Amino acid sequence: VPIRLILSDTEAVHFWWSRVVPYHSSERKFLDYWGHDTGDLRFLWRALEPGMTFLDVGANLGVYSLVAAQKLAGNGRVIAFEPGPREFRRLQLHFHWNNLRAPEARIERLALGARCGEEKFFEVANDGDTSRNGLRAPRSRDGVREIATRVMTLDRYAAKRALDRIDIIKLDVEGGEMDVLRGASATLLRHRPILLCEVLDQATAPWGYLARDIVSALIGFGYRWFDVNRDGALTSHVAQCDYPAIRN
């Protein structure tokens, strides 16, 4: 289906998308299903500039990658990381339909983490909440299957690909955020990328830590935190004890 996503009073992006949720209705708007991403996508659109490199870590079906690729329009680079084979195939389809090709756009069937190697990946069944796929089984009643997947640190990946700049990272890996950050210390210190990061207790619980630890870790790297409003504007974030809502 063709999607028109309004990002400001004067700007919109158009891309091809596939109906993927069992409860889809043609009468509902695209962002009825991706509503908590509205402000984030508008912020991303504003923040991206020609020549930038955008990393979509935990790309899922690729909406952030598609928006970023349109803003960069071939003058920059988009790299999407998605270890789940089912979502990876759908991501490939969306890149193909929207004419995103290497070297400006790349998909990696790869999980980023604290070390390089192979780990179990838990894929939620089609009738469950498939956004909860990850390197830990989600705490839900949804059925899951275990799949082996490659894991690499971001520092190692950046060196392997000789990335000379990393400007913005969207990080949403269902609780694996701390592991990704542990494997990205050199990248954070060298490139100082903007991070659009999920902080959610429900996601971090299976990993055995609190979502507020992500906030503390990045403050330790000299980062400041902001909340993203629905229009894409930023307001200073006040650190919380608990993070029960789905927010980046």
Protein backbone atom coordinates (compact mmCIF):
# COMPACT_ATOMS: atom_id res chain seq x y z
CA VAL A 1 0.00 0.00 0.00
CA PRO A 2 1.23 3.57 -0.63
CA ILE A 3 1.85 5.52 2.58
CA ARG A 4 1.85 9.31 2.97
CA LEU A 5 3.43 10.30 6.26
CA ILE A 6 3.08 13.97 7.23
CA LEU A 7 6.19 15.25 8.99
CA SER A 8 5.54 19.00 9.15
CA ASP A 9 3.11 21.62 7.88
CA THR A 10 4.86 21.60 4.51
CA GLU A 11 6.61 18.23 4.26
CA ALA A 12 5.51 14.64 3.84
CA VAL A 13 7.18 11.41 2.74
CA HIS A 14 5.70 8.78 0.48
CA PHE A 15 6.73 5.13 0.48
CA TRP A 16 5.45 1.66 -0.26
CA TRP A 17 4.56 -0.52 2.72
CA SER A 18 2.97 -3.91 3.30
CA ARG A 19 0.05 -4.83 5.51
CA VAL A 20 1.60 -6.90 8.25
CA VAL A 21 -0.63 -6.91 11.33
CA PRO A 22 -3.55 -9.36 11.63
CA TYR A 23 -5.86 -6.60 12.93
CA HIS A 24 -5.16 -4.24 10.00
CA SER A 25 -8.04 -2.13 8.73
CA SER A 26 -7.86 -0.05 5.57
CA GLU A 27 -9.95 2.60 7.36
CA ARG A 28 -7.20 3.26 9.92
CA LYS A 29 -4.21 5.51 9.29
CA PHE A 30 -0.66 4.22 9.17
CA LEU A 31 0.32 5.88 12.44
CA ASP A 32 -2.61 4.27 14.25
CA TYR A 33 -0.27 1.27 14.33
CA TRP A 34 2.97 3.21 14.79
CA GLY A 35 1.61 6.09 16.87
CA HIS A 36 4.32 6.22 19.54
CA ASP A 37 6.84 6.80 16.72
CA THR A 38 5.18 9.95 15.37
CA GLY A 39 7.29 12.52 17.19
CA ASP A 40 10.45 10.45 16.82
CA LEU A 41 10.08 10.27 13.05
CA ARG A 42 9.47 14.00 12.85
CA PHE A 43 12.53 14.65 15.01
CA LEU A 44 14.63 12.34 12.83
CA TRP A 45 13.49 14.17 9.72
CA ARG A 46 14.57 17.49 11.22
CA ALA A 47 17.89 16.24 12.57
CA LEU A 48 19.18 14.51 9.43
CA GLU A 49 21.37 16.54 7.08
CA PRO A 50 23.10 15.68 3.78
CA GLY A 51 26.13 13.44 4.15
CA MET A 52 25.07 11.95 7.48
CA THR A 53 25.15 8.26 8.41
CA PHE A 54 22.06 6.87 10.16
CA LEU A 55 22.06 3.51 11.94
CA ASP A 56 18.72 1.78 12.52
CA VAL A 57 19.56 -0.72 15.28
CA GLY A 58 16.61 -3.05 15.74
CA ALA A 59 15.09 -1.94 12.44
CA ASN A 60 12.12 -4.35 12.55
CA LEU A 61 10.16 -3.52 9.36
CA GLY A 62 12.14 -0.41 8.52
CA VAL A 63 9.95 2.67 8.87
CA TYR A 64 12.80 4.73 10.38
CA SER A 65 15.15 3.60 7.61
CA LEU A 66 12.66 4.56 4.89
CA VAL A 67 12.13 8.03 6.34
CA ALA A 68 15.88 8.56 6.79
CA ALA A 69 16.65 7.40 3.26
CA GLN A 70 14.15 9.86 1.79
CA LYS A 71 15.60 12.76 3.78
CA LEU A 72 19.18 11.90 2.76
CA ALA A 73 18.13 11.27 -0.86
CA GLY A 74 21.30 9.38 -1.74
CA ASN A 75 23.60 11.93 -0.07
CA GLY A 76 24.39 9.95 3.06
CA ARG A 77 24.09 6.43 4.34
CA VAL A 78 21.43 4.29 6.03
CA ILE A 79 22.37 0.99 7.67
CA ALA A 80 19.57 -1.15 9.13
CA PHE A 81 20.29 -4.00 11.56
CA GLU A 82 17.64 -6.71 11.95
CA PRO A 83 18.53 -10.22 13.20
CA GLY A 84 15.05 -11.78 12.97
CA PRO A 85 14.70 -13.76 9.72
CA ARG A 86 10.98 -13.05 9.29
CA GLU A 87 11.35 -9.29 9.83
CA PHE A 88 14.58 -9.27 7.80
CA ARG A 89 12.70 -10.63 4.76
CA ARG A 90 9.99 -7.98 5.18
CA LEU A 91 12.67 -5.31 5.56
CA GLN A 92 14.31 -6.49 2.33
CA LEU A 93 10.94 -6.22 0.60
CA HIS A 94 10.42 -2.65 1.80
CA PHE A 95 13.93 -1.62 0.70
CA HIS A 96 13.33 -3.22 -2.71
CA TRP A 97 9.93 -1.58 -3.24
CA ASN A 98 11.34 1.82 -2.31
CA ASN A 99 14.50 1.51 -4.45
CA LEU A 100 16.95 1.63 -1.55
CA ARG A 101 20.25 0.08 -2.63
CA ALA A 102 23.87 -0.19 -1.51
CA PRO A 103 26.11 1.64 -0.92
CA GLU A 104 23.74 4.38 0.31
CA ALA A 105 21.40 1.86 1.98
CA ARG A 106 22.35 -1.46 3.52
CA ILE A 107 20.58 -4.17 5.54
CA GLU A 108 22.49 -6.37 7.96
CA ARG A 109 20.99 -9.58 9.36
CA LEU A 110 22.92 -9.04 12.53
CA ALA A 111 22.33 -8.23 16.20
CA LEU A 112 24.53 -5.69 17.92
CA GLY A 113 25.68 -6.47 21.45
CA ALA A 114 28.45 -6.43 24.03
CA ARG A 115 30.59 -9.09 22.33
CA CYS A 116 31.03 -10.86 19.00
CA GLY A 117 29.78 -14.39 18.50
CA GLU A 118 26.53 -16.32 18.16
CA GLU A 119 23.52 -16.16 20.47
CA LYS A 120 19.92 -17.35 20.66
CA PHE A 121 17.33 -15.01 19.17
CA PHE A 122 13.70 -15.33 20.28
CA GLU A 123 11.16 -14.76 17.53
CA VAL A 124 7.56 -14.19 18.66
CA ALA A 125 4.88 -16.14 16.79
CA ASN A 126 2.94 -14.37 14.04
CA ASP A 127 -0.21 -14.06 16.17
CA GLY A 128 1.69 -12.40 19.04
CA ASP A 129 3.40 -9.07 19.58
CA THR A 130 6.16 -9.48 17.02
CA SER A 131 7.76 -6.18 18.04
CA ARG A 132 9.02 -8.01 21.16
CA ASN A 133 11.57 -10.18 19.30
CA GLY A 134 15.01 -10.11 20.88
CA LEU A 135 17.99 -11.84 22.46
CA ARG A 136 15.91 -12.61 25.57
CA ALA A 137 12.51 -14.28 25.64
CA PRO A 138 9.83 -11.64 26.36
CA ARG A 139 7.78 -11.94 29.53
CA SER A 140 4.50 -12.65 27.79
CA ARG A 141 2.31 -15.59 26.88
CA ASP A 142 3.15 -15.29 23.20
CA GLY A 143 4.74 -18.35 21.65
CA VAL A 144 8.37 -17.97 20.60
CA ARG A 145 10.89 -19.98 18.62
CA GLU A 146 14.64 -19.93 19.15
CA ILE A 147 16.94 -19.06 16.25
CA ALA A 148 20.72 -18.76 16.19
CA THR A 149 21.91 -15.32 15.17
CA ARG A 150 25.23 -13.53 14.74
CA VAL A 151 26.11 -10.81 17.25
CA MET A 152 28.75 -8.13 16.76
CA THR A 153 29.77 -5.05 18.71
CA LEU A 154 29.12 -1.72 17.06
CA ASP A 155 32.78 -0.82 17.56
CA ARG A 156 33.83 -3.92 15.61
CA TYR A 157 31.25 -3.31 12.87
CA ALA A 158 32.29 0.33 12.45
CA ALA A 159 35.94 -0.70 12.13
CA LYS A 160 35.12 -3.53 9.72
CA ARG A 161 33.09 -1.24 7.46
CA ALA A 162 35.52 1.67 7.89
CA LEU A 163 32.68 4.03 8.82
CA ASP A 164 34.17 7.51 8.89
CA ARG A 165 31.09 9.03 10.50
CA ILE A 166 28.08 7.89 12.52
CA ASP A 167 25.66 10.75 13.16
CA ILE A 168 22.35 9.37 14.43
CA ILE A 169 21.49 5.99 15.92
CA LYS A 170 17.99 4.71 16.58
CA LEU A 171 18.38 2.03 19.25
CA ASP A 172 15.40 -0.20 20.01
CA VAL A 173 16.46 -3.77 20.80
CA GLU A 174 13.94 -4.90 23.42
CA GLY A 175 16.11 -4.59 26.50
CA GLY A 176 19.45 -5.25 24.85
CA GLU A 177 20.28 -1.53 24.83
CA MET A 178 22.86 -1.76 27.62
CA ASP A 179 24.73 -4.54 25.80
CA VAL A 180 24.76 -2.49 22.59
CA LEU A 181 26.16 0.50 24.49
CA ARG A 182 28.84 -1.65 26.15
CA GLY A 183 29.99 -2.72 22.70
CA ALA A 184 29.89 0.83 21.34
CA SER A 185 32.06 2.80 23.79
CA ALA A 186 34.69 3.71 21.18
CA THR A 187 31.99 4.72 18.70
CA LEU A 188 30.27 6.96 21.24
CA LEU A 189 33.51 8.65 22.22
CA ARG A 190 34.75 9.12 18.64
CA HIS A 191 31.58 10.08 16.77
CA ARG A 192 29.27 11.45 19.50
CA PRO A 193 26.14 10.41 17.58
CA ILE A 194 22.65 11.53 18.48
CA LEU A 195 20.86 8.58 20.08
CA LEU A 196 17.15 7.93 19.79
CA CYS A 197 16.88 5.18 22.39
CA GLU A 198 14.03 3.14 23.88
CA VAL A 199 13.93 3.19 27.69
CA LEU A 200 11.29 0.72 28.89
CA ASP A 201 11.16 -1.38 32.08
CA GLN A 202 9.04 -4.08 30.46
CA ALA A 203 11.78 -4.64 27.89
CA THR A 204 14.76 -4.54 30.26
CA ALA A 205 13.21 -6.85 32.89
CA PRO A 206 14.14 -10.13 31.09
CA TRP A 207 17.75 -8.83 30.98
CA GLY A 208 17.84 -8.28 34.75
CA TYR A 209 18.33 -4.53 34.93
CA LEU A 210 16.21 -1.37 35.20
CA ALA A 211 15.53 0.92 32.26
CA ARG A 212 16.82 3.88 34.27
CA ASP A 213 20.27 2.27 34.06
CA ILE A 214 20.34 3.18 30.35
CA VAL A 215 19.77 6.82 31.28
CA SER A 216 22.55 6.72 33.87
CA ALA A 217 24.98 4.98 31.50
CA LEU A 218 24.66 7.60 28.79
CA ILE A 219 24.87 10.47 31.27
CA GLY A 220 28.18 8.86 32.22
CA PHE A 221 29.26 9.26 28.59
CA GLY A 222 28.46 12.97 28.78
CA TYR A 223 25.07 12.76 27.07
CA ARG A 224 21.98 14.84 27.87
CA TRP A 225 18.49 13.36 27.66
CA PHE A 226 15.40 14.88 26.06
CA ASP A 227 11.77 13.90 25.58
CA VAL A 228 10.49 14.00 22.01
CA ASN A 229 7.14 15.73 21.62
CA ARG A 230 4.57 14.65 19.07
CA ASP A 231 5.60 17.50 16.75
CA GLY A 232 9.25 16.41 16.88
CA ALA A 233 10.40 19.21 19.21
CA LEU A 234 12.53 18.39 22.26
CA THR A 235 12.09 19.17 25.95
CA SER A 236 14.60 18.42 28.69
CA HIS A 237 14.06 15.04 30.31
CA VAL A 238 13.83 14.60 34.07
CA ALA A 239 15.24 11.21 35.08
CA GLN A 240 12.65 8.84 36.54
CA CYS A 241 12.77 5.85 38.85
CA ASP A 242 10.42 3.87 36.60
CA TYR A 243 9.84 3.82 32.84
CA PRO A 244 6.52 2.03 32.24
CA ALA A 245 5.55 3.75 28.96
CA ILE A 246 6.77 2.96 25.44
CA ARG A 247 8.91 5.99 24.69
CA ASN A 248 12.22 6.80 23.04
